[in-house]
C-alpha cells in the first residue's frame, strides 16, 4: 500500500491507524460479497477499527452496514447523512476505481466525484484529521490568499483529481492545512506542531469536540 498515492499519505501521517493489508475475503463483509478480492475491500480492512479516521467525523461503513445498492457499493457517509460515497460494482475489479457521490434524496443519483479510490481515501483521511481525528485542530477565515509567511512553512500535498474543492498542505508529519474558498483549516498531531503553526497563523481559532 505504501507505494500507492494513498499509501504514501497513510504512511506519512497515519501509520498507527492502519494494519498491514491482507486480501479481502467473502467473510469479511458478509453483506457485500462483491468486495472479496478487490482493492476497495483490502483498503477498508486495513483501517484499524478503533481509529478515529473511521468515524471521527465522516464515517466509513463497517461489515454490519456495507452492501451494494442499485449497482453501487456504498462504503462511506457524510457526518450529517447528507451525502454518501460508493464504487460501482462494475468498477470494483479496476486497480484504481473512481468514487461516486450521491445525496440523501430520492430518487438516488450517483455522480463521479473522485477519479480514483486513492484520491478519495487521501482526502477522506486528511479531512478526518482536520475535523478531530488529530488532537489539535481549528479554523480561520481569510480575506485573501494564504500569506507568504504561512506558505513558506508549508508544502502542497498532491491528492489527485477530485471534486472536493479542497487544497491540502503540510509541514513534516504532524501538521496538515487545507484551504477551501476563504476558509483555512489546520490540524496538528501534538502541541509542539500546533503552537508552531499558531506563531505563523495567529488568527486560527481552535475547535473543541463536544
Protein backbone atom coordinates (compact mmCIF):
# COMPACT_ATOMS: atom_id res chain seq x y z
CA UNK A 1 0.00 0.00 0.00
CA UNK A 2 2.85 2.42 0.75
CA UNK A 3 3.78 2.62 -2.96
CA UNK A 4 0.35 3.97 -3.97
CA UNK A 5 -0.55 7.68 -3.67
CA UNK A 6 -2.87 6.97 -0.76
CA UNK A 7 -0.37 4.57 0.78
CA UNK A 8 2.25 7.31 0.82
CA UNK A 9 -0.11 9.68 2.63
CA UNK A 10 -1.14 6.98 5.08
CA UNK A 11 2.48 6.08 5.80
CA UNK A 12 3.48 9.72 6.26
CA UNK A 13 0.67 10.91 8.53
CA UNK A 14 -1.35 7.97 9.83
CA UNK A 15 0.86 4.89 10.28
CA UNK A 16 -0.65 3.95 13.64
CA UNK A 17 -4.16 3.92 12.19
CA UNK A 18 -3.60 1.05 9.76
CA UNK A 19 -2.95 -2.67 9.82
CA UNK A 20 -0.86 -4.44 7.17
CA UNK A 21 -3.15 -5.01 4.18
CA UNK A 22 -4.49 -8.51 3.58
CA UNK A 23 -6.78 -9.82 0.83
CA UNK A 24 -10.49 -9.23 1.37
CA UNK A 25 -12.39 -12.49 1.86
CA UNK A 26 -16.15 -13.10 1.47
CA UNK A 27 -16.48 -13.49 5.25
CA UNK A 28 -15.01 -10.03 5.89
CA UNK A 29 -18.08 -8.25 4.52
CA UNK A 30 -20.91 -10.82 4.62
CA UNK A 31 -23.49 -8.33 3.30
CA UNK A 32 -21.27 -7.41 0.37
CA UNK A 33 -19.62 -10.48 -1.17
CA UNK A 34 -18.77 -8.31 -4.20
CA UNK A 35 -15.86 -6.87 -2.17
CA UNK A 36 -13.98 -10.16 -1.99
CA UNK A 37 -10.65 -9.94 -3.81
CA UNK A 38 -11.00 -6.20 -4.55
CA UNK A 39 -8.67 -3.34 -3.69
CA UNK A 40 -11.55 -1.45 -2.06
CA UNK A 41 -12.16 -4.34 0.32
CA UNK A 42 -8.46 -4.70 1.08
CA UNK A 43 -8.06 -1.00 1.88
CA UNK A 44 -11.19 -0.81 4.03
CA UNK A 45 -9.97 -3.82 6.03
CA UNK A 46 -6.64 -2.13 6.66
CA UNK A 47 -8.15 0.65 8.81
CA UNK A 48 -7.89 -0.19 12.50
CA UNK A 49 -11.49 -0.44 13.79
CA UNK A 50 -10.82 1.86 16.75
CA UNK A 51 -9.15 4.57 14.65
CA UNK A 52 -10.85 7.99 14.66
CA UNK A 53 -10.18 8.05 10.93
CA UNK A 54 -13.05 5.57 10.61
CA UNK A 55 -15.79 7.63 12.25
CA UNK A 56 -14.34 10.69 13.98
CA UNK A 57 -16.23 12.98 11.58
CA UNK A 58 -17.47 11.36 8.38
CA UNK A 59 -17.86 7.59 8.51
CA UNK A 60 -16.58 4.51 6.75
CA UNK A 61 -19.27 1.84 6.90
CA UNK A 62 -18.42 -1.40 8.68
CA UNK A 63 -19.32 -5.01 7.85
CA UNK A 64 -22.71 -4.64 9.54
CA UNK A 65 -23.82 -1.94 7.09
CA UNK A 66 -21.67 -2.10 3.98
CA UNK A 67 -23.53 -3.53 0.99
CA UNK A 68 -24.27 -2.97 -2.68
CA UNK A 69 -27.33 -0.87 -3.50
CA UNK A 70 -28.51 -0.23 -7.03
CA UNK A 71 -25.24 -1.42 -8.55
CA UNK A 72 -23.05 0.67 -6.22
CA UNK A 73 -21.08 -0.49 -3.16
CA UNK A 74 -21.85 2.27 -0.64
CA UNK A 75 -18.93 2.42 1.79
CA UNK A 76 -18.86 5.93 3.32
CA UNK A 77 -21.30 8.55 4.56
CA UNK A 78 -21.08 12.23 5.48
CA UNK A 79 -21.40 13.08 9.17
CA UNK A 80 -24.91 14.53 8.84
CA UNK A 81 -26.10 11.77 6.49
CA UNK A 82 -26.38 14.28 3.66
CA UNK A 83 -24.01 12.55 1.23
CA UNK A 84 -22.82 9.02 0.51
CA UNK A 85 -19.86 7.69 -1.44
CA UNK A 86 -19.51 4.42 -3.29
CA UNK A 87 -17.86 2.48 -6.09
CA UNK A 88 -19.88 0.98 -8.93
CA UNK A 89 -19.93 -2.81 -8.80
CA UNK A 90 -18.86 -2.74 -12.45
CA UNK A 91 -15.69 -0.84 -11.46
CA UNK A 92 -14.64 -2.97 -8.47
CA UNK A 93 -12.13 -5.01 -10.45
CA UNK A 94 -10.26 -1.89 -11.60
CA UNK A 95 -6.91 -1.14 -9.98
CA UNK A 96 -7.97 2.48 -9.38
CA UNK A 97 -11.78 2.62 -9.48
CA UNK A 98 -13.46 6.03 -9.50
CA UNK A 99 -15.57 7.04 -6.49
CA UNK A 100 -19.15 8.26 -6.89
CA UNK A 101 -21.22 10.54 -4.67
CA UNK A 102 -24.95 10.76 -4.07
CA UNK A 103 -27.17 12.99 -1.96
CA UNK A 104 -29.64 11.57 0.55
CA UNK A 105 -32.68 12.43 -1.54
CA UNK A 106 -34.99 10.43 -3.78
CA UNK A 107 -34.51 9.41 -6.47
CA UNK A 108 -30.90 8.46 -5.74
CA UNK A 109 -28.48 9.51 -8.47
CA UNK A 110 -24.73 8.94 -8.48
CA UNK A 111 -22.17 11.38 -9.83
CA UNK A 112 -18.43 10.86 -10.25
CA UNK A 113 -16.57 12.98 -7.68
CA UNK A 114 -13.11 11.38 -7.45
CA UNK A 115 -11.14 9.97 -10.36
CA UNK A 116 -9.64 7.27 -8.14
CA UNK A 117 -10.13 5.47 -4.86
CA UNK A 118 -6.69 6.72 -3.82
CA UNK A 119 -7.81 10.33 -4.22
CA UNK A 120 -10.96 9.73 -2.20
CA UNK A 121 -9.22 7.98 0.70
CA UNK A 122 -6.47 10.60 0.75
CA UNK A 123 -8.99 13.44 1.05
CA UNK A 124 -11.13 11.44 3.47
CA UNK A 125 -8.29 10.79 5.92
CA UNK A 126 -6.82 14.29 5.71
CA UNK A 127 -10.28 15.79 6.28
CA UNK A 128 -10.85 13.48 9.25
CA UNK A 129 -7.61 14.74 10.81
CA UNK A 130 -8.73 18.33 10.25
CA UNK A 131 -12.04 17.61 11.97
CA UNK A 132 -10.97 15.92 15.17
CA UNK A 133 -9.05 12.75 14.36
CA UNK A 134 -5.92 14.69 15.32
CA UNK A 135 -5.93 16.24 18.81
CA UNK A 136 -5.44 19.93 17.86
CA UNK A 137 -7.49 21.42 15.05
CA UNK A 138 -9.00 24.74 14.12
CA UNK A 139 -10.47 27.10 11.56
CA UNK A 140 -9.75 30.61 10.29
CA UNK A 141 -11.42 32.86 7.71
CA UNK A 142 -9.14 34.52 5.18
CA UNK A 143 -9.67 37.83 3.44
CA UNK A 144 -7.18 37.00 0.72
CA UNK A 145 -4.79 34.29 -0.43
CA UNK A 146 -2.65 32.40 2.04
CA UNK A 147 0.09 34.69 3.35
CA UNK A 148 3.61 34.28 2.01
CA UNK A 149 4.82 33.74 5.57
CA UNK A 150 2.48 30.80 6.01
CA UNK A 151 3.19 29.43 2.52
CA UNK A 152 6.91 29.36 3.32
CA UNK A 153 6.20 26.94 6.17
CA UNK A 154 4.16 24.50 4.07
CA UNK A 155 4.39 22.20 1.09
CA UNK A 156 1.45 21.09 -1.08
CA UNK A 157 0.04 17.58 -0.78
CA UNK A 158 -0.91 16.00 -4.10
CA UNK A 159 -4.14 14.07 -3.54
CA UNK A 160 -5.04 13.58 -7.20
CA UNK A 161 -8.01 14.81 -9.20
CA UNK A 162 -11.16 15.24 -7.12
CA UNK A 163 -14.25 17.40 -6.73
CA UNK A 164 -13.90 18.20 -3.04
CA UNK A 165 -12.88 21.82 -3.56
CA UNK A 166 -10.08 21.40 -1.00
CA UNK A 167 -6.37 22.05 -1.40
CA UNK A 168 -4.04 20.40 1.11
CA UNK A 169 -0.66 21.38 2.54
CA UNK A 170 1.62 20.01 5.25
CA UNK A 171 4.73 20.54 7.26
CA UNK A 172 6.62 17.42 8.24
CA UNK A 173 4.45 14.57 9.50
CA UNK A 174 2.42 16.30 12.19
CA UNK A 175 0.80 19.37 10.60
CA UNK A 176 -1.93 19.41 7.93
CA UNK A 177 -3.53 22.51 6.44
CA UNK A 178 -6.38 22.78 3.93
CA UNK A 179 -8.00 25.68 2.12
CA UNK A 180 -11.48 25.95 0.64
CA UNK A 181 -12.60 29.34 -0.57
CA UNK A 182 -11.94 31.84 2.22
CA UNK A 183 -11.65 29.16 4.91
CA UNK A 184 -8.38 27.81 6.28
CA UNK A 185 -8.36 24.56 8.25
CA UNK A 186 -5.45 23.19 10.26
CA UNK A 187 -4.69 20.16 12.40
CA UNK A 188 -1.64 19.14 14.39
CA UNK A 189 -0.76 15.78 15.86
CA UNK A 190 0.68 17.29 19.03
CA UNK A 191 1.10 20.51 20.98
CA UNK A 192 4.52 21.46 19.60
CA UNK A 193 3.35 21.42 15.99
CA UNK A 194 0.17 23.31 16.88
CA UNK A 195 1.97 26.05 18.76
CA UNK A 196 4.50 26.44 15.96
CA UNK A 197 1.64 26.83 13.49
CA UNK A 198 -0.09 29.47 15.64
CA UNK A 199 3.10 31.51 15.52
CA UNK A 200 2.62 31.99 11.76
CA UNK A 201 -1.20 31.90 11.72
CA UNK A 202 -2.39 33.63 14.91
CA UNK A 203 -5.95 34.11 13.61
CA UNK A 204 -6.59 30.35 13.82
CA UNK A 205 -9.50 29.54 16.16
CA UNK A 206 -9.11 26.18 17.84
CA UNK A 207 -12.13 23.91 17.77
CA UNK A 208 -13.03 21.61 20.63
CA UNK A 209 -15.06 18.44 20.13
CA UNK A 210 -18.12 18.10 22.31
